[in-house]
Amino acid sequence: MEARNRTLVLLRHAKSGYPDGVADHDRPLATRGVREAALAGDWIRAHVPPVDAVLCSTARRTRETLERTGIEAPVHYVERLYDATPGLVLDEINAAADSFGADPDTLLVVGHEPVMSALALGLADRADTAAAQQIAAKFPTSAMAVLRTAAPWARLELRGAQLVDFHTAR
């Protein structure tokens, strides 16, 4: 079996609104978030191999972010990604082949802070890159960490990927 590189994109949801009386899980995107989510999708299409599969939190702002990116790939909405820990998100990534019936080449995860930054830094094999330093400073809304690994998703573990890019869609 030949080795192949896999790409993981960790996308923090776009800027959300804070309407009165709306529970955190149900907060929609703000106007700025709608625009930035579309920009995030444009950037992904221009800089990342085609997305084969998506894991997305069930929160309204993550679902709206994914919709506005225009990324068309099979999606699994996962409740536990909403208030997750890095370990729970990694468990979902490790189960990607089972979730999607195949081991995707490019996997997009749409989630929340502080998990996206902690997971990106935890998976990165080096913490001294410019991208890692940017993530450590701030992982703003509409930001994306791009990691590559030769490991199948089921065997991805901490320090098991190369952090190759970090971008904030603005």
C-alpha atoms as a PDB file:
ATOM      1  CA  MET A   1       0.000   0.000   0.000  1.00  0.00           C
ATOM      2  CA  GLU A   2       1.476   3.350  -0.939  1.00  0.00           C
ATOM      3  CA  ALA A   3       1.764   6.104   1.632  1.00  0.00           C
ATOM      4  CA  ARG A   4      -0.379   9.152   1.033  1.00  0.00           C
ATOM      5  CA  ASN A   5      -0.568  12.483   2.722  1.00  0.00           C
ATOM      6  CA  ARG A   6      -3.780  13.501   4.411  1.00  0.00           C
ATOM      7  CA  THR A   7      -4.800  17.081   5.084  1.00  0.00           C
ATOM      8  CA  LEU A   8      -6.670  18.239   8.169  1.00  0.00           C
ATOM      9  CA  VAL A   9      -8.250  21.685   8.282  1.00  0.00           C
ATOM     10  CA  LEU A  10      -9.358  22.952  11.682  1.00  0.00           C
ATOM     11  CA  LEU A  11     -11.746  25.868  11.107  1.00  0.00           C
ATOM     12  CA  ARG A  12     -13.065  28.000  13.931  1.00  0.00           C
ATOM     13  CA  HIS A  13     -16.598  29.172  13.211  1.00  0.00           C
ATOM     14  CA  ALA A  14     -17.063  32.662  11.776  1.00  0.00           C
ATOM     15  CA  LYS A  15     -18.023  35.679  13.903  1.00  0.00           C
ATOM     16  CA  SER A  16     -21.320  35.070  15.644  1.00  0.00           C
ATOM     17  CA  GLY A  17     -23.979  37.388  16.913  1.00  0.00           C
ATOM     18  CA  TYR A  18     -25.202  37.685  20.471  1.00  0.00           C
ATOM     19  CA  PRO A  19     -28.977  38.173  20.208  1.00  0.00           C
ATOM     20  CA  ASP A  20     -30.799  38.652  23.505  1.00  0.00           C
ATOM     21  CA  GLY A  21     -32.475  35.571  24.870  1.00  0.00           C
ATOM     22  CA  VAL A  22     -30.695  33.136  22.519  1.00  0.00           C
ATOM     23  CA  ALA A  23     -28.830  30.220  24.090  1.00  0.00           C
ATOM     24  CA  ASP A  24     -25.135  29.929  23.224  1.00  0.00           C
ATOM     25  CA  HIS A  25     -25.667  26.791  21.129  1.00  0.00           C
ATOM     26  CA  ASP A  26     -28.257  28.636  19.008  1.00  0.00           C
ATOM     27  CA  ARG A  27     -26.360  31.863  18.279  1.00  0.00           C
ATOM     28  CA  PRO A  28     -26.338  32.722  14.546  1.00  0.00           C
ATOM     29  CA  LEU A  29     -23.568  34.264  12.508  1.00  0.00           C
ATOM     30  CA  ALA A  30     -23.192  38.023  12.597  1.00  0.00           C
ATOM     31  CA  THR A  31     -23.194  39.919   9.281  1.00  0.00           C
ATOM     32  CA  ARG A  32     -19.395  39.997   9.404  1.00  0.00           C
ATOM     33  CA  GLY A  33     -19.375  36.244  10.010  1.00  0.00           C
ATOM     34  CA  VAL A  34     -21.485  35.551   6.929  1.00  0.00           C
ATOM     35  CA  ARG A  35     -18.939  37.419   4.795  1.00  0.00           C
ATOM     36  CA  GLU A  36     -15.917  35.854   6.485  1.00  0.00           C
ATOM     37  CA  ALA A  37     -17.254  32.301   6.217  1.00  0.00           C
ATOM     38  CA  ALA A  38     -17.535  32.750   2.456  1.00  0.00           C
ATOM     39  CA  LEU A  39     -13.951  34.047   2.391  1.00  0.00           C
ATOM     40  CA  ALA A  40     -12.839  31.013   4.404  1.00  0.00           C
ATOM     41  CA  GLY A  41     -14.404  28.722   1.793  1.00  0.00           C
ATOM     42  CA  ASP A  42     -12.665  30.613  -1.006  1.00  0.00           C
ATOM     43  CA  TRP A  43      -9.318  30.275   0.780  1.00  0.00           C
ATOM     44  CA  ILE A  44      -9.805  26.555   1.401  1.00  0.00           C
ATOM     45  CA  ARG A  45     -10.619  25.919  -2.263  1.00  0.00           C
ATOM     46  CA  ALA A  46      -7.537  27.900  -3.354  1.00  0.00           C
ATOM     47  CA  HIS A  47      -4.997  26.481  -0.871  1.00  0.00           C
ATOM     48  CA  VAL A  48      -6.109  23.023   0.253  1.00  0.00           C
ATOM     49  CA  PRO A  49      -6.802  19.810  -1.677  1.00  0.00           C
ATOM     50  CA  PRO A  50     -10.530  19.228  -2.248  1.00  0.00           C
ATOM     51  CA  VAL A  51     -12.360  18.500   1.009  1.00  0.00           C
ATOM     52  CA  ASP A  52     -13.649  14.909   1.087  1.00  0.00           C
ATOM     53  CA  ALA A  53     -15.428  14.955   4.439  1.00  0.00           C
ATOM     54  CA  VAL A  54     -16.532  17.365   7.170  1.00  0.00           C
ATOM     55  CA  LEU A  55     -17.009  16.983  10.904  1.00  0.00           C
ATOM     56  CA  CYS A  56     -19.067  19.885  12.225  1.00  0.00           C
ATOM     57  CA  SER A  57     -20.328  20.911  15.639  1.00  0.00           C
ATOM     58  CA  THR A  58     -24.101  21.051  15.917  1.00  0.00           C
ATOM     59  CA  ALA A  59     -24.043  24.682  17.115  1.00  0.00           C
ATOM     60  CA  ARG A  60     -25.922  27.017  14.799  1.00  0.00           C
ATOM     61  CA  ARG A  61     -22.877  29.240  14.157  1.00  0.00           C
ATOM     62  CA  THR A  62     -20.738  26.280  13.043  1.00  0.00           C
ATOM     63  CA  ARG A  63     -23.471  24.910  10.779  1.00  0.00           C
ATOM     64  CA  GLU A  64     -23.982  28.372   9.240  1.00  0.00           C
ATOM     65  CA  THR A  65     -20.228  28.784   8.828  1.00  0.00           C
ATOM     66  CA  LEU A  66     -20.014  25.496   6.932  1.00  0.00           C
ATOM     67  CA  GLU A  67     -22.998  26.413   4.768  1.00  0.00           C
ATOM     68  CA  ARG A  68     -21.487  29.804   3.866  1.00  0.00           C
ATOM     69  CA  THR A  69     -18.107  28.276   2.933  1.00  0.00           C
ATOM     70  CA  GLY A  70     -19.792  26.554   0.020  1.00  0.00           C
ATOM     71  CA  ILE A  71     -17.763  23.399   0.731  1.00  0.00           C
ATOM     72  CA  GLU A  72     -19.673  20.440  -0.646  1.00  0.00           C
ATOM     73  CA  ALA A  73     -18.639  17.173   0.947  1.00  0.00           C
ATOM     74  CA  PRO A  74     -20.293  14.568   3.140  1.00  0.00           C
ATOM     75  CA  VAL A  75     -20.924  16.044   6.603  1.00  0.00           C
ATOM     76  CA  HIS A  76     -21.337  14.495  10.019  1.00  0.00           C
ATOM     77  CA  TYR A  77     -22.801  16.896  12.567  1.00  0.00           C
ATOM     78  CA  VAL A  78     -21.418  15.843  15.927  1.00  0.00           C
ATOM     79  CA  GLU A  79     -23.053  17.085  19.127  1.00  0.00           C
ATOM     80  CA  ARG A  80     -19.986  16.466  21.265  1.00  0.00           C
ATOM     81  CA  LEU A  81     -17.878  18.834  19.134  1.00  0.00           C
ATOM     82  CA  TYR A  82     -19.866  21.731  20.612  1.00  0.00           C
ATOM     83  CA  ASP A  83     -18.408  21.711  24.114  1.00  0.00           C
ATOM     84  CA  ALA A  84     -15.460  19.458  23.374  1.00  0.00           C
ATOM     85  CA  THR A  85     -11.976  18.877  24.596  1.00  0.00           C
ATOM     86  CA  PRO A  86      -9.077  18.323  22.184  1.00  0.00           C
ATOM     87  CA  GLY A  87      -9.201  14.600  23.064  1.00  0.00           C
ATOM     88  CA  LEU A  88     -12.866  14.306  22.087  1.00  0.00           C
ATOM     89  CA  VAL A  89     -12.243  16.036  18.757  1.00  0.00           C
ATOM     90  CA  LEU A  90      -9.249  13.780  18.106  1.00  0.00           C
ATOM     91  CA  ASP A  91     -11.490  10.761  18.857  1.00  0.00           C
ATOM     92  CA  GLU A  92     -13.898  11.960  16.148  1.00  0.00           C
ATOM     93  CA  ILE A  93     -11.018  12.475  13.706  1.00  0.00           C
ATOM     94  CA  ASN A  94      -9.696   8.988  14.547  1.00  0.00           C
ATOM     95  CA  ALA A  95     -13.145   7.592  13.671  1.00  0.00           C
ATOM     96  CA  ALA A  96     -13.366   9.410  10.306  1.00  0.00           C
ATOM     97  CA  ALA A  97     -12.958   6.275   8.184  1.00  0.00           C
ATOM     98  CA  ASP A  98     -15.802   4.599  10.097  1.00  0.00           C
ATOM     99  CA  SER A  99     -17.953   7.745  10.009  1.00  0.00           C
ATOM    100  CA  PHE A 100     -17.590   8.264   6.264  1.00  0.00           C
ATOM    101  CA  GLY A 101     -17.075   4.693   5.033  1.00  0.00           C
ATOM    102  CA  ALA A 102     -13.578   5.527   3.756  1.00  0.00           C
ATOM    103  CA  ASP A 103     -10.442   7.288   4.961  1.00  0.00           C
ATOM    104  CA  PRO A 104     -10.817  10.826   3.532  1.00  0.00           C
ATOM    105  CA  ASP A 105      -7.761  12.502   2.033  1.00  0.00           C
ATOM    106  CA  THR A 106      -8.860  15.945   3.236  1.00  0.00           C
ATOM    107  CA  LEU A 107     -10.900  16.337   6.393  1.00  0.00           C
ATOM    108  CA  LEU A 108     -12.424  19.632   7.534  1.00  0.00           C
ATOM    109  CA  VAL A 109     -13.418  20.081  11.180  1.00  0.00           C
ATOM    110  CA  VAL A 110     -15.618  23.083  12.016  1.00  0.00           C
ATOM    111  CA  GLY A 111     -15.569  23.851  15.704  1.00  0.00           C
ATOM    112  CA  HIS A 112     -14.916  26.245  18.547  1.00  0.00           C
ATOM    113  CA  GLU A 113     -12.214  27.823  20.664  1.00  0.00           C
ATOM    114  CA  PRO A 114     -10.303  27.023  22.776  1.00  0.00           C
ATOM    115  CA  VAL A 115     -10.339  23.523  21.266  1.00  0.00           C
ATOM    116  CA  MET A 116      -9.232  24.384  17.724  1.00  0.00           C
ATOM    117  CA  SER A 117      -6.015  26.074  18.863  1.00  0.00           C
ATOM    118  CA  ALA A 118      -5.210  23.445  21.504  1.00  0.00           C
ATOM    119  CA  LEU A 119      -5.753  20.612  19.038  1.00  0.00           C
ATOM    120  CA  ALA A 120      -3.735  22.281  16.263  1.00  0.00           C
ATOM    121  CA  LEU A 121      -0.800  22.867  18.605  1.00  0.00           C
ATOM    122  CA  GLY A 122      -1.140  19.404  20.127  1.00  0.00           C
ATOM    123  CA  LEU A 123      -1.093  17.660  16.752  1.00  0.00           C
ATOM    124  CA  ALA A 124       1.795  19.735  15.373  1.00  0.00           C
ATOM    125  CA  ASP A 125       5.126  17.968  15.406  1.00  0.00           C
ATOM    126  CA  ARG A 126       6.883  21.312  15.972  1.00  0.00           C
ATOM    127  CA  ALA A 127       5.791  24.266  18.079  1.00  0.00           C
ATOM    128  CA  ASP A 128       8.450  26.661  16.825  1.00  0.00           C
ATOM    129  CA  THR A 129       6.969  27.501  13.415  1.00  0.00           C
ATOM    130  CA  ALA A 130       5.500  30.870  12.476  1.00  0.00           C
ATOM    131  CA  ALA A 131       2.056  29.244  12.151  1.00  0.00           C
ATOM    132  CA  ALA A 132       2.315  27.720  15.635  1.00  0.00           C
ATOM    133  CA  GLN A 133       3.335  31.057  17.113  1.00  0.00           C
ATOM    134  CA  GLN A 134       0.341  32.751  15.461  1.00  0.00           C
ATOM    135  CA  ILE A 135      -2.022  30.092  16.807  1.00  0.00           C
ATOM    136  CA  ALA A 136      -0.549  30.377  20.292  1.00  0.00           C
ATOM    137  CA  ALA A 137      -1.112  34.140  20.205  1.00  0.00           C
ATOM    138  CA  LYS A 138      -4.720  33.975  18.945  1.00  0.00           C
ATOM    139  CA  PHE A 139      -7.039  31.699  16.955  1.00  0.00           C
ATOM    140  CA  PRO A 140      -9.692  34.205  15.889  1.00  0.00           C
ATOM    141  CA  THR A 141     -13.063  33.524  14.331  1.00  0.00           C
ATOM    142  CA  SER A 142     -12.810  32.321  10.713  1.00  0.00           C
ATOM    143  CA  ALA A 143      -9.237  31.135  11.296  1.00  0.00           C
ATOM    144  CA  MET A 144      -7.960  27.855   9.897  1.00  0.00           C
ATOM    145  CA  ALA A 145      -5.045  25.647  10.835  1.00  0.00           C
ATOM    146  CA  VAL A 146      -3.898  23.281   8.087  1.00  0.00           C
ATOM    147  CA  LEU A 147      -2.030  20.135   9.077  1.00  0.00           C
ATOM    148  CA  ARG A 148      -0.656  17.241   7.027  1.00  0.00           C
ATOM    149  CA  THR A 149       0.014  13.673   8.047  1.00  0.00           C
ATOM    150  CA  ALA A 150       0.890  10.379   6.397  1.00  0.00           C
ATOM    151  CA  ALA A 151      -0.925   8.485   9.159  1.00  0.00           C
ATOM    152  CA  PRO A 152      -4.403   7.134   8.536  1.00  0.00           C
ATOM    153  CA  TRP A 153      -6.930   9.148  10.564  1.00  0.00           C
ATOM    154  CA  ALA A 154      -7.423   6.194  12.916  1.00  0.00           C
ATOM    155  CA  ARG A 155      -3.746   6.389  13.918  1.00  0.00           C
ATOM    156  CA  LEU A 156      -3.334  10.173  14.124  1.00  0.00           C
ATOM    157  CA  GLU A 157      -2.030  11.139  17.529  1.00  0.00           C
ATOM    158  CA  LEU A 158      -0.487  14.097  19.305  1.00  0.00           C
ATOM    159  CA  ARG A 159       2.659  15.390  17.561  1.00  0.00           C
ATOM    160  CA  GLY A 160       1.654  13.266  14.559  1.00  0.00           C
ATOM    161  CA  ALA A 161       1.140  15.986  11.950  1.00  0.00           C
ATOM    162  CA  GLN A 162       2.964  18.857  10.351  1.00  0.00           C
ATOM    163  CA  LEU A 163       1.394  22.290  10.807  1.00  0.00           C
ATOM    164  CA  VAL A 164       1.724  23.736   7.310  1.00  0.00           C
ATOM    165  CA  ASP A 165      -0.426  26.853   7.361  1.00  0.00           C
ATOM    166  CA  PHE A 166      -2.564  29.160   9.433  1.00  0.00           C
ATOM    167  CA  HIS A 167      -4.902  31.709   7.909  1.00  0.00           C
ATOM    168  CA  THR A 168      -7.642  34.033   9.112  1.00  0.00           C
ATOM    169  CA  ALA A 169     -10.325  34.804   6.531  1.00  0.00           C
ATOM    170  CA  ARG A 170     -10.902  38.539   6.620  1.00  0.00           C
END
